[in-house]
Amino acid sequence: MIEELTAYEPALAEVLAACVAGGASVNFVQPFTVEQAEAWWRARLAAPGARHLLVARVEGVVRGTVLLEPAPQPNQRHRAEIGKMLVHPAFRRRGLARALLRAAEAKARGLCHALLTLDTEEGSDAEALYRAEGWRHAGTIPGYAMRADGSGLAGAAFFYKRA
């Protein structure tokens, strides 16, 4: 499976680097290079664990991604986390994020994960999407992470949904 996923590394890196350059709060701060993104994806895809990578393609090219990461704790096997839901800035507002989110939710249901969680930057477009898709806001932690452009701290909004 990992060998299969390595073919995606360059495209995944391009999407991640473009999202960070566009101001997406996804754990990285500018300047952030494609090489750094490649290294992050390489380590992530090689790490042991039962994560599931879903991608959205436009004309055969990866333009979006989401990770579904089942909780590793024995008492939380019913739960999974949505992470690294990214859509290349040039391909936003086309329904890719909504399609990725729905695909991850369907995958979670198929794997018997009854509870999904995620976090996003407070006030972001992503927060609006999650609310529109029926995710419940669990709370916000102010000043949780540095903004991608380094301009200050932003709150993190935490969400959950029954799958």
Protein backbone atom coordinates (compact mmCIF):
# COMPACT_ATOMS: atom_id res chain seq x y z
CA MET A 1 0.00 0.00 0.00
CA ILE A 2 2.77 2.48 0.85
CA GLU A 3 4.46 1.94 -2.51
CA GLU A 4 1.16 2.80 -4.18
CA LEU A 5 0.85 6.02 -2.19
CA THR A 6 4.37 7.25 -2.93
CA ALA A 7 3.28 7.93 -6.51
CA TYR A 8 1.08 10.68 -5.09
CA GLU A 9 3.86 12.46 -3.18
CA PRO A 10 4.74 15.15 -5.77
CA ALA A 11 1.09 16.08 -6.36
CA LEU A 12 0.25 16.00 -2.65
CA ALA A 13 3.27 18.19 -1.94
CA GLU A 14 2.20 20.70 -4.58
CA VAL A 15 -1.30 20.92 -3.09
CA LEU A 16 0.01 21.28 0.48
CA ALA A 17 2.58 23.94 -0.43
CA ALA A 18 0.01 25.91 -2.45
CA CYS A 19 -2.48 25.78 0.43
CA VAL A 20 0.08 27.06 2.95
CA ALA A 21 1.17 29.80 0.52
CA GLY A 22 -2.51 30.72 0.21
CA GLY A 23 -2.84 31.14 3.98
CA ALA A 24 -4.41 27.81 4.96
CA SER A 25 -3.87 26.98 8.61
CA VAL A 26 -2.74 23.37 8.30
CA ASN A 27 0.12 23.24 10.81
CA PHE A 28 2.78 25.01 8.75
CA VAL A 29 4.06 28.59 8.54
CA GLN A 30 5.37 30.48 5.50
CA PRO A 31 7.82 30.28 3.94
CA PHE A 32 7.06 26.63 3.21
CA THR A 33 8.55 24.91 0.19
CA VAL A 34 7.38 22.07 -2.01
CA GLU A 35 10.45 20.16 -0.78
CA GLN A 36 9.31 20.56 2.82
CA ALA A 37 5.84 19.42 1.79
CA GLU A 38 7.31 16.37 0.04
CA ALA A 39 9.29 15.47 3.16
CA TRP A 40 6.17 15.82 5.32
CA TRP A 41 4.07 13.61 3.03
CA ARG A 42 6.88 11.06 2.68
CA ALA A 43 7.14 10.70 6.46
CA ARG A 44 3.38 10.65 6.88
CA LEU A 45 2.77 8.01 4.25
CA ALA A 46 5.64 5.83 5.50
CA ALA A 47 4.60 6.01 9.17
CA PRO A 48 2.86 2.94 10.54
CA GLY A 49 -0.84 3.29 11.17
CA ALA A 50 -4.18 2.69 9.59
CA ARG A 51 -4.70 6.03 7.89
CA HIS A 52 -6.70 6.31 4.71
CA LEU A 53 -5.78 8.82 2.02
CA LEU A 54 -8.50 10.06 -0.31
CA VAL A 55 -7.74 12.34 -3.23
CA ALA A 56 -9.77 14.48 -5.60
CA ARG A 57 -8.54 14.71 -9.17
CA VAL A 58 -9.31 17.25 -11.85
CA GLU A 59 -8.43 16.01 -15.34
CA GLY A 60 -6.40 13.22 -13.77
CA VAL A 61 -4.28 15.47 -11.55
CA VAL A 62 -4.55 15.44 -7.74
CA ARG A 63 -6.01 18.79 -6.66
CA GLY A 64 -7.34 17.90 -3.22
CA THR A 65 -6.83 15.48 -0.39
CA VAL A 66 -8.12 14.35 2.97
CA LEU A 67 -6.82 11.88 5.53
CA LEU A 68 -9.06 9.69 7.64
CA GLU A 69 -7.10 8.62 10.69
CA PRO A 70 -8.66 6.06 13.02
CA ALA A 71 -7.93 6.70 16.69
CA PRO A 72 -5.12 4.39 17.85
CA GLN A 73 -6.34 4.06 21.44
CA PRO A 74 -7.97 0.71 22.25
CA ASN A 75 -10.91 2.41 23.95
CA GLN A 76 -11.55 4.72 20.98
CA ARG A 77 -11.68 2.34 18.05
CA HIS A 78 -15.13 3.72 17.24
CA ARG A 79 -13.61 7.14 16.43
CA ALA A 80 -11.58 8.63 13.57
CA GLU A 81 -10.17 12.05 12.80
CA ILE A 82 -10.43 14.02 9.59
CA GLY A 83 -7.12 15.68 8.76
CA LYS A 84 -5.23 17.47 6.00
CA MET A 85 -8.34 18.26 4.04
CA LEU A 86 -6.78 20.40 1.35
CA VAL A 87 -7.91 21.79 -1.97
CA HIS A 88 -5.41 23.58 -4.20
CA PRO A 89 -6.33 27.29 -4.14
CA ALA A 90 -6.75 27.39 -7.93
CA PHE A 91 -9.42 24.67 -7.70
CA ARG A 92 -11.55 25.93 -4.83
CA ARG A 93 -15.27 26.71 -5.07
CA ARG A 94 -15.84 23.71 -7.33
CA GLY A 95 -17.21 21.31 -4.72
CA LEU A 96 -13.98 19.36 -4.19
CA ALA A 97 -13.83 19.95 -0.43
CA ARG A 98 -17.45 18.95 0.03
CA ALA A 99 -16.91 15.82 -2.08
CA LEU A 100 -13.76 14.91 -0.13
CA LEU A 101 -15.50 15.42 3.20
CA ARG A 102 -18.47 13.30 2.16
CA ALA A 103 -16.15 10.57 0.82
CA ALA A 104 -14.21 10.52 4.12
CA GLU A 105 -17.47 10.29 6.07
CA ALA A 106 -18.63 7.39 3.88
CA LYS A 107 -15.27 5.64 4.30
CA ALA A 108 -15.55 6.08 8.07
CA ARG A 109 -19.03 4.56 8.10
CA GLY A 110 -17.75 1.63 6.05
CA LEU A 111 -15.03 1.08 8.63
CA CYS A 112 -17.55 1.26 11.50
CA HIS A 113 -16.24 4.55 12.91
CA ALA A 114 -19.31 6.01 14.62
CA LEU A 115 -17.71 9.31 15.66
CA LEU A 116 -15.60 11.69 13.60
CA THR A 117 -13.63 14.69 14.85
CA LEU A 118 -11.66 17.52 13.26
CA ASP A 119 -10.33 20.98 13.94
CA THR A 120 -9.90 24.04 11.78
CA GLU A 121 -8.99 27.69 12.07
CA GLU A 122 -11.74 29.72 13.67
CA GLY A 123 -13.60 31.83 11.12
CA SER A 124 -12.14 30.04 8.09
CA ASP A 125 -14.02 28.99 4.97
CA ALA A 126 -13.47 25.42 6.15
CA GLU A 127 -15.37 26.15 9.36
CA ALA A 128 -18.35 27.35 7.30
CA LEU A 129 -18.20 24.18 5.20
CA TYR A 130 -18.20 21.89 8.24
CA ARG A 131 -21.17 23.70 9.74
CA ALA A 132 -23.04 23.47 6.42
CA GLU A 133 -22.33 19.73 6.28
CA GLY A 134 -23.89 19.11 9.69
CA TRP A 135 -20.80 19.00 11.85
CA ARG A 136 -21.36 20.10 15.44
CA HIS A 137 -19.12 22.73 16.99
CA ALA A 138 -17.67 21.37 20.24
CA GLY A 139 -15.78 24.52 21.19
CA THR A 140 -12.99 26.89 20.29
CA ILE A 141 -9.59 27.36 21.87
CA PRO A 142 -8.38 30.95 21.37
CA GLY A 143 -4.79 31.54 20.26
CA TYR A 144 -4.30 27.88 19.45
CA ALA A 145 -1.89 28.15 16.51
CA MET A 146 0.12 30.65 14.52
CA ARG A 147 -1.49 31.78 11.28
CA ALA A 148 0.18 30.43 8.14
CA ASP A 149 1.48 33.89 7.25
CA GLY A 150 2.97 34.33 10.75
CA SER A 151 0.78 37.37 11.46
CA GLY A 152 -0.40 36.19 14.86
CA LEU A 153 -2.35 33.52 16.64
CA ALA A 154 -5.71 32.12 15.59
CA GLY A 155 -8.30 30.13 17.47
CA ALA A 156 -8.99 26.50 16.64
CA ALA A 157 -12.59 25.40 16.26
CA PHE A 158 -13.21 21.75 17.14
CA PHE A 159 -16.02 19.79 15.50
CA TYR A 160 -17.56 16.34 15.68
CA LYS A 161 -20.09 14.34 13.74
CA ARG A 162 -21.79 11.00 14.22
CA ALA A 163 -21.01 8.94 11.15
